[in-house]
Amino acid sequence: MITRLLNQLLINITDVLLEMYVTGICGSDMHYWKHMAIGPFIVTDPMIIGHESSGTVVKVGKNVKHLKPGNLINSFENLY
């Protein structure tokens, strides 16, 4: 059901649409959450914790050549 709905979304020619399965929270995330800082790195703006994720490629833009629907992925991203 979710995959069918995601397939209906329009994406740009360089975008990759992912169906995410799980996102982990690591020790650094917990430290930021509890202390709002790690050493000299102080959180001053909203921060989304949890940046180690896995899922499946659902759809790719026409200029994306290195991934295809059905590929399993993992990502390591920080969003601020």
PDB file of N, CA and C in Angstrom:
ATOM      1  N   MET A   1       0.826  -1.194   0.000  1.00  0.00           N
ATOM      2  CA  MET A   1       0.000   0.000   0.000  1.00  0.00           C
ATOM      3  C   MET A   1       0.872   1.262   0.000  1.00  0.00           C
ATOM      4  N   ILE A   2       1.829   1.318   0.927  1.00  0.00           N
ATOM      5  CA  ILE A   2       2.691   2.507   0.992  1.00  0.00           C
ATOM      6  C   ILE A   2       3.486   2.662  -0.288  1.00  0.00           C
ATOM      7  N   THR A   3       4.057   1.568  -0.782  1.00  0.00           N
ATOM      8  CA  THR A   3       4.848   1.643  -2.011  1.00  0.00           C
ATOM      9  C   THR A   3       3.993   2.141  -3.165  1.00  0.00           C
ATOM     10  N   ARG A   4       2.750   1.681  -3.256  1.00  0.00           N
ATOM     11  CA  ARG A   4       1.870   2.122  -4.335  1.00  0.00           C
ATOM     12  C   ARG A   4       1.624   3.636  -4.240  1.00  0.00           C
ATOM     13  N   LEU A   5       1.416   4.148  -3.037  1.00  0.00           N
ATOM     14  CA  LEU A   5       1.208   5.585  -2.864  1.00  0.00           C
ATOM     15  C   LEU A   5       2.468   6.373  -3.198  1.00  0.00           C
ATOM     16  N   LEU A   6       3.629   5.877  -2.773  1.00  0.00           N
ATOM     17  CA  LEU A   6       4.883   6.572  -3.052  1.00  0.00           C
ATOM     18  C   LEU A   6       5.172   6.626  -4.542  1.00  0.00           C
ATOM     19  N   ASN A   7       4.816   5.579  -5.256  1.00  0.00           N
ATOM     20  CA  ASN A   7       5.057   5.541  -6.696  1.00  0.00           C
ATOM     21  C   ASN A   7       4.277   6.610  -7.442  1.00  0.00           C
ATOM     22  N   GLN A   8       3.214   7.130  -6.846  1.00  0.00           N
ATOM     23  CA  GLN A   8       2.412   8.157  -7.499  1.00  0.00           C
ATOM     24  C   GLN A   8       3.014   9.545  -7.347  1.00  0.00           C
ATOM     25  N   LEU A   9       3.994   9.697  -6.453  1.00  0.00           N
ATOM     26  CA  LEU A   9       4.610  10.995  -6.245  1.00  0.00           C
ATOM     27  C   LEU A   9       5.500  11.363  -7.430  1.00  0.00           C
ATOM     28  N   LEU A  10       5.465  12.607  -7.805  1.00  0.00           N
ATOM     29  CA  LEU A  10       6.347  13.107  -8.852  1.00  0.00           C
ATOM     30  C   LEU A  10       7.641  13.559  -8.208  1.00  0.00           C
ATOM     31  N   ILE A  11       8.753  13.237  -8.836  1.00  0.00           N
ATOM     32  CA  ILE A  11      10.049  13.657  -8.314  1.00  0.00           C
ATOM     33  C   ILE A  11      10.851  14.315  -9.419  1.00  0.00           C
ATOM     34  N   ASN A  12      11.862  15.104  -9.012  1.00  0.00           N
ATOM     35  CA  ASN A  12      12.742  15.782  -9.972  1.00  0.00           C
ATOM     36  C   ASN A  12      13.678  14.777 -10.634  1.00  0.00           C
ATOM     37  N   ILE A  13      14.328  15.200 -11.695  1.00  0.00           N
ATOM     38  CA  ILE A  13      15.167  14.291 -12.488  1.00  0.00           C
ATOM     39  C   ILE A  13      16.396  13.793 -11.736  1.00  0.00           C
ATOM     40  N   THR A  14      16.789  14.476 -10.653  1.00  0.00           N
ATOM     41  CA  THR A  14      17.958  14.034  -9.886  1.00  0.00           C
ATOM     42  C   THR A  14      17.577  13.478  -8.510  1.00  0.00           C
ATOM     43  N   ASP A  15      16.286  13.350  -8.223  1.00  0.00           N
ATOM     44  CA  ASP A  15      15.830  12.875  -6.913  1.00  0.00           C
ATOM     45  C   ASP A  15      15.758  11.359  -6.838  1.00  0.00           C
ATOM     46  N   VAL A  16      15.844  10.866  -5.609  1.00  0.00           N
ATOM     47  CA  VAL A  16      15.639   9.449  -5.319  1.00  0.00           C
ATOM     48  C   VAL A  16      14.594   9.379  -4.214  1.00  0.00           C
ATOM     49  N   LEU A  17      13.528   8.648  -4.446  1.00  0.00           N
ATOM     50  CA  LEU A  17      12.471   8.465  -3.458  1.00  0.00           C
ATOM     51  C   LEU A  17      12.729   7.158  -2.716  1.00  0.00           C
ATOM     52  N   LEU A  18      12.794   7.237  -1.383  1.00  0.00           N
ATOM     53  CA  LEU A  18      13.118   6.071  -0.565  1.00  0.00           C
ATOM     54  C   LEU A  18      11.957   5.698   0.336  1.00  0.00           C
ATOM     55  N   GLU A  19      11.760   4.414   0.541  1.00  0.00           N
ATOM     56  CA  GLU A  19      10.852   3.917   1.566  1.00  0.00           C
ATOM     57  C   GLU A  19      11.743   3.475   2.722  1.00  0.00           C
ATOM     58  N   MET A  20      11.705   4.242   3.807  1.00  0.00           N
ATOM     59  CA  MET A  20      12.599   3.990   4.931  1.00  0.00           C
ATOM     60  C   MET A  20      12.014   2.915   5.846  1.00  0.00           C
ATOM     61  N   TYR A  21      12.899   2.033   6.330  1.00  0.00           N
ATOM     62  CA  TYR A  21      12.483   0.959   7.229  1.00  0.00           C
ATOM     63  C   TYR A  21      12.806   1.269   8.681  1.00  0.00           C
ATOM     64  N   VAL A  22      13.995   1.787   8.917  1.00  0.00           N
ATOM     65  CA  VAL A  22      14.423   2.001  10.291  1.00  0.00           C
ATOM     66  C   VAL A  22      15.467   3.115  10.323  1.00  0.00           C
ATOM     67  N   THR A  23      15.463   3.873  11.403  1.00  0.00           N
ATOM     68  CA  THR A  23      16.487   4.887  11.650  1.00  0.00           C
ATOM     69  C   THR A  23      17.021   4.679  13.051  1.00  0.00           C
ATOM     70  N   GLY A  24      18.334   4.632  13.168  1.00  0.00           N
ATOM     71  CA  GLY A  24      18.958   4.400  14.463  1.00  0.00           C
ATOM     72  C   GLY A  24      19.331   5.695  15.157  1.00  0.00           C
ATOM     73  N   ILE A  25      19.455   5.593  16.456  1.00  0.00           N
ATOM     74  CA  ILE A  25      19.912   6.712  17.281  1.00  0.00           C
ATOM     75  C   ILE A  25      21.209   6.248  17.925  1.00  0.00           C
ATOM     76  N   CYS A  26      22.291   6.956  17.655  1.00  0.00           N
ATOM     77  CA  CYS A  26      23.599   6.546  18.162  1.00  0.00           C
ATOM     78  C   CYS A  26      23.938   7.301  19.452  1.00  0.00           C
ATOM     79  N   GLY A  27      25.094   6.993  19.999  1.00  0.00           N
ATOM     80  CA  GLY A  27      25.544   7.631  21.228  1.00  0.00           C
ATOM     81  C   GLY A  27      25.685   9.137  21.090  1.00  0.00           C
ATOM     82  N   SER A  28      26.158   9.601  19.942  1.00  0.00           N
ATOM     83  CA  SER A  28      26.275  11.047  19.718  1.00  0.00           C
ATOM     84  C   SER A  28      24.907  11.714  19.763  1.00  0.00           C
ATOM     85  N   ASP A  29      23.918  11.079  19.141  1.00  0.00           N
ATOM     86  CA  ASP A  29      22.557  11.620  19.179  1.00  0.00           C
ATOM     87  C   ASP A  29      22.060  11.742  20.617  1.00  0.00           C
ATOM     88  N   MET A  30      22.291  10.716  21.402  1.00  0.00           N
ATOM     89  CA  MET A  30      21.847  10.739  22.801  1.00  0.00           C
ATOM     90  C   MET A  30      22.553  11.844  23.580  1.00  0.00           C
ATOM     91  N   HIS A  31      23.826  12.040  23.287  1.00  0.00           N
ATOM     92  CA  HIS A  31      24.580  13.088  23.977  1.00  0.00           C
ATOM     93  C   HIS A  31      24.028  14.472  23.619  1.00  0.00           C
ATOM     94  N   TYR A  32      23.760  14.693  22.334  1.00  0.00           N
ATOM     95  CA  TYR A  32      23.149  15.956  21.924  1.00  0.00           C
ATOM     96  C   TYR A  32      21.799  16.150  22.621  1.00  0.00           C
ATOM     97  N   TRP A  33      21.009  15.090  22.688  1.00  0.00           N
ATOM     98  CA  TRP A  33      19.678  15.166  23.282  1.00  0.00           C
ATOM     99  C   TRP A  33      19.758  15.516  24.771  1.00  0.00           C
ATOM    100  N   LYS A  34      20.689  14.894  25.471  1.00  0.00           N
ATOM    101  CA  LYS A  34      20.786  15.107  26.913  1.00  0.00           C
ATOM    102  C   LYS A  34      21.521  16.391  27.288  1.00  0.00           C
ATOM    103  N   HIS A  35      22.546  16.766  26.519  1.00  0.00           N
ATOM    104  CA  HIS A  35      23.422  17.869  26.907  1.00  0.00           C
ATOM    105  C   HIS A  35      23.412  19.051  25.940  1.00  0.00           C
ATOM    106  N   MET A  36      22.755  18.881  24.783  1.00  0.00           N
ATOM    107  CA  MET A  36      22.691  19.924  23.749  1.00  0.00           C
ATOM    108  C   MET A  36      24.072  20.323  23.225  1.00  0.00           C
ATOM    109  N   ALA A  37      25.045  19.431  23.395  1.00  0.00           N
ATOM    110  CA  ALA A  37      26.393  19.717  22.913  1.00  0.00           C
ATOM    111  C   ALA A  37      27.242  18.458  22.985  1.00  0.00           C
ATOM    112  N   ILE A  38      28.283  18.443  22.165  1.00  0.00           N
ATOM    113  CA  ILE A  38      29.364  17.464  22.269  1.00  0.00           C
ATOM    114  C   ILE A  38      30.638  18.268  22.106  1.00  0.00           C
ATOM    115  N   GLY A  39      31.393  18.392  23.180  1.00  0.00           N
ATOM    116  CA  GLY A  39      32.611  19.201  23.142  1.00  0.00           C
ATOM    117  C   GLY A  39      32.297  20.604  22.672  1.00  0.00           C
ATOM    118  N   PRO A  40      33.012  21.092  21.641  1.00  0.00           N
ATOM    119  CA  PRO A  40      32.789  22.455  21.167  1.00  0.00           C
ATOM    120  C   PRO A  40      31.551  22.600  20.277  1.00  0.00           C
ATOM    121  N   PHE A  41      30.908  21.500  19.903  1.00  0.00           N
ATOM    122  CA  PHE A  41      29.742  21.535  19.018  1.00  0.00           C
ATOM    123  C   PHE A  41      28.478  21.704  19.847  1.00  0.00           C
ATOM    124  N   ILE A  42      27.943  22.919  19.855  1.00  0.00           N
ATOM    125  CA  ILE A  42      26.780  23.265  20.663  1.00  0.00           C
ATOM    126  C   ILE A  42      25.570  23.419  19.749  1.00  0.00           C
ATOM    127  N   VAL A  43      24.465  22.788  20.117  1.00  0.00           N
ATOM    128  CA  VAL A  43      23.230  22.893  19.345  1.00  0.00           C
ATOM    129  C   VAL A  43      22.610  24.261  19.615  1.00  0.00           C
ATOM    130  N   THR A  44      22.502  25.068  18.568  1.00  0.00           N
ATOM    131  CA  THR A  44      21.907  26.398  18.700  1.00  0.00           C
ATOM    132  C   THR A  44      20.617  26.524  17.900  1.00  0.00           C
ATOM    133  N   ASP A  45      20.371  25.590  16.998  1.00  0.00           N
ATOM    134  CA  ASP A  45      19.156  25.564  16.182  1.00  0.00           C
ATOM    135  C   ASP A  45      18.511  24.197  16.333  1.00  0.00           C
ATOM    136  N   PRO A  46      17.243  24.077  15.950  1.00  0.00           N
ATOM    137  CA  PRO A  46      16.611  22.751  16.009  1.00  0.00           C
ATOM    138  C   PRO A  46      17.434  21.716  15.243  1.00  0.00           C
ATOM    139  N   MET A  47      17.515  20.534  15.787  1.00  0.00           N
ATOM    140  CA  MET A  47      18.317  19.459  15.184  1.00  0.00           C
ATOM    141  C   MET A  47      17.516  18.170  15.210  1.00  0.00           C
ATOM    142  N   ILE A  48      17.500  17.471  14.100  1.00  0.00           N
ATOM    143  CA  ILE A  48      16.835  16.174  14.021  1.00  0.00           C
ATOM    144  C   ILE A  48      17.874  15.112  14.339  1.00  0.00           C
ATOM    145  N   ILE A  49      17.639  14.363  15.406  1.00  0.00           N
ATOM    146  CA  ILE A  49      18.571  13.290  15.719  1.00  0.00           C
ATOM    147  C   ILE A  49      18.095  12.011  15.044  1.00  0.00           C
ATOM    148  N   GLY A  50      19.016  11.078  14.918  1.00  0.00           N
ATOM    149  CA  GLY A  50      18.713   9.844  14.198  1.00  0.00           C
ATOM    150  C   GLY A  50      19.104  10.018  12.753  1.00  0.00           C
ATOM    151  N   HIS A  51      20.251   9.514  12.367  1.00  0.00           N
ATOM    152  CA  HIS A  51      20.753   9.769  11.019  1.00  0.00           C
ATOM    153  C   HIS A  51      21.335   8.521  10.355  1.00  0.00           C
ATOM    154  N   GLU A  52      21.161   7.392  10.977  1.00  0.00           N
ATOM    155  CA  GLU A  52      21.652   6.147  10.381  1.00  0.00           C
ATOM    156  C   GLU A  52      20.430   5.328   9.989  1.00  0.00           C
ATOM    157  N   SER A  53      20.098   5.356   8.706  1.00  0.00           N
ATOM    158  CA  SER A  53      18.829   4.807   8.236  1.00  0.00           C
ATOM    159  C   SER A  53      19.026   3.752   7.158  1.00  0.00           C
ATOM    160  N   SER A  54      17.994   2.935   6.977  1.00  0.00           N
ATOM    161  CA  SER A  54      18.012   1.969   5.878  1.00  0.00           C
ATOM    162  C   SER A  54      16.620   1.870   5.271  1.00  0.00           C
ATOM    163  N   GLY A  55      16.595   1.504   4.008  1.00  0.00           N
ATOM    164  CA  GLY A  55      15.330   1.390   3.304  1.00  0.00           C
ATOM    165  C   GLY A  55      15.536   0.855   1.896  1.00  0.00           C
ATOM    166  N   THR A  56      14.546   1.095   1.056  1.00  0.00           N
ATOM    167  CA  THR A  56      14.550   0.613  -0.321  1.00  0.00           C
ATOM    168  C   THR A  56      14.276   1.773  -1.267  1.00  0.00           C
ATOM    169  N   VAL A  57      14.970   1.773  -2.388  1.00  0.00           N
ATOM    170  CA  VAL A  57      14.710   2.767  -3.431  1.00  0.00           C
ATOM    171  C   VAL A  57      13.358   2.448  -4.062  1.00  0.00           C
ATOM    172  N   VAL A  58      12.467   3.442  -4.095  1.00  0.00           N
ATOM    173  CA  VAL A  58      11.136   3.260  -4.672  1.00  0.00           C
ATOM    174  C   VAL A  58      11.085   3.814  -6.088  1.00  0.00           C
ATOM    175  N   LYS A  59      11.701   4.981  -6.277  1.00  0.00           N
ATOM    176  CA  LYS A  59      11.613   5.646  -7.574  1.00  0.00           C
ATOM    177  C   LYS A  59      12.846   6.521  -7.753  1.00  0.00           C
ATOM    178  N   VAL A  60      13.321   6.645  -8.968  1.00  0.00           N
ATOM    179  CA  VAL A  60      14.468   7.508  -9.254  1.00  0.00           C
ATOM    180  C   VAL A  60      14.134   8.454 -10.393  1.00  0.00           C
ATOM    181  N   GLY A  61      14.734   9.655 -10.336  1.00  0.00           N
ATOM    182  CA  GLY A  61      14.600  10.595 -11.434  1.00  0.00           C
ATOM    183  C   GLY A  61      15.347  10.087 -12.657  1.00  0.00           C
ATOM    184  N   LYS A  62      15.011  10.610 -13.826  1.00  0.00           N
ATOM    185  CA  LYS A  62      15.574  10.056 -15.073  1.00  0.00           C
ATOM    186  C   LYS A  62      17.073  10.255 -15.201  1.00  0.00           C
ATOM    187  N   ASN A  63      17.673  11.189 -14.471  1.00  0.00           N
ATOM    188  CA  ASN A  63      19.119  11.398 -14.547  1.00  0.00           C
ATOM    189  C   ASN A  63      19.902  10.591 -13.512  1.00  0.00           C
ATOM    190  N   VAL A  64      19.227   9.840 -12.673  1.00  0.00           N
ATOM    191  CA  VAL A  64      19.902   9.010 -11.668  1.00  0.00           C
ATOM    192  C   VAL A  64      20.283   7.695 -12.320  1.00  0.00           C
ATOM    193  N   LYS A  65      21.576   7.425 -12.367  1.00  0.00           N
ATOM    194  CA  LYS A  65      22.060   6.232 -13.068  1.00  0.00           C
ATOM    195  C   LYS A  65      22.632   5.169 -12.133  1.00  0.00           C
ATOM    196  N   HIS A  66      22.964   5.521 -10.889  1.00  0.00           N
ATOM    197  CA  HIS A  66      23.645   4.587  -9.986  1.00  0.00           C
ATOM    198  C   HIS A  66      22.697   3.834  -9.054  1.00  0.00           C
ATOM    199  N   LEU A  67      21.415   4.153  -9.079  1.00  0.00           N
ATOM    200  CA  LEU A  67      20.429   3.451  -8.255  1.00  0.00           C
ATOM    201  C   LEU A  67      19.231   3.085  -9.105  1.00  0.00           C
ATOM    202  N   LYS A  68      18.502   2.052  -8.671  1.00  0.00           N
ATOM    203  CA  LYS A  68      17.277   1.680  -9.370  1.00  0.00           C
ATOM    204  C   LYS A  68      16.264   1.195  -8.331  1.00  0.00           C
ATOM    205  N   PRO A  69      14.975   1.263  -8.661  1.00  0.00           N
ATOM    206  CA  PRO A  69      13.961   0.788  -7.727  1.00  0.00           C
ATOM    207  C   PRO A  69      14.242  -0.645  -7.285  1.00  0.00           C
ATOM    208  N   GLY A  70      14.081  -0.868  -5.995  1.00  0.00           N
ATOM    209  CA  GLY A  70      14.347  -2.180  -5.421  1.00  0.00           C
ATOM    210  C   GLY A  70      15.693  -2.282  -4.730  1.00  0.00           C
ATOM    211  N   ASN A  71      16.630  -1.365  -5.048  1.00  0.00           N
ATOM    212  CA  ASN A  71      17.928  -1.379  -4.360  1.00  0.00           C
ATOM    213  C   ASN A  71      17.736  -1.124  -2.866  1.00  0.00           C
ATOM    214  N   LEU A  72      18.445  -1.888  -2.056  1.00  0.00           N
ATOM    215  CA  LEU A  72      18.486  -1.631  -0.621  1.00  0.00           C
ATOM    216  C   LEU A  72      19.548  -0.575  -0.359  1.00  0.00           C
ATOM    217  N   ILE A  73      19.265   0.348   0.540  1.00  0.00           N
ATOM    218  CA  ILE A  73      20.217   1.424   0.821  1.00  0.00           C
ATOM    219  C   ILE A  73      20.406   1.586   2.320  1.00  0.00           C
ATOM    220  N   ASN A  74      21.525   2.176   2.665  1.00  0.00           N
ATOM    221  CA  ASN A  74      21.684   2.726   4.004  1.00  0.00           C
ATOM    222  C   ASN A  74      22.214   4.135   3.815  1.00  0.00           C
ATOM    223  N   SER A  75      21.891   4.996   4.746  1.00  0.00           N
ATOM    224  CA  SER A  75      22.359   6.371   4.625  1.00  0.00           C
ATOM    225  C   SER A  75      22.875   6.838   5.968  1.00  0.00           C
ATOM    226  N   PHE A  76      23.764   7.771   5.895  1.00  0.00           N
ATOM    227  CA  PHE A  76      24.329   8.375   7.084  1.00  0.00           C
ATOM    228  C   PHE A  76      24.275   9.884   6.850  1.00  0.00           C
ATOM    229  N   GLU A  77      23.259  10.511   7.330  1.00  0.00           N
ATOM    230  CA  GLU A  77      23.058  11.951   7.113  1.00  0.00           C
ATOM    231  C   GLU A  77      22.713  12.634   8.418  1.00  0.00           C
ATOM    232  N   ASN A  78      23.154  13.859   8.550  1.00  0.00           N
ATOM    233  CA  ASN A  78      22.747  14.725   9.646  1.00  0.00           C
ATOM    234  C   ASN A  78      21.956  15.873   9.054  1.00  0.00           C
ATOM    235  N   LEU A  79      20.797  16.147   9.602  1.00  0.00           N
ATOM    236  CA  LEU A  79      19.984  17.272   9.168  1.00  0.00           C
ATOM    237  C   LEU A  79      19.931  18.297  10.288  1.00  0.00           C
ATOM    238  N   TYR A  80      20.219  19.539   9.944  1.00  0.00           N
ATOM    239  CA  TYR A  80      20.185  20.614  10.940  1.00  0.00           C
ATOM    240  C   TYR A  80      19.158  21.632  10.546  1.00  0.00           C
TER     241      TYR A  80
END
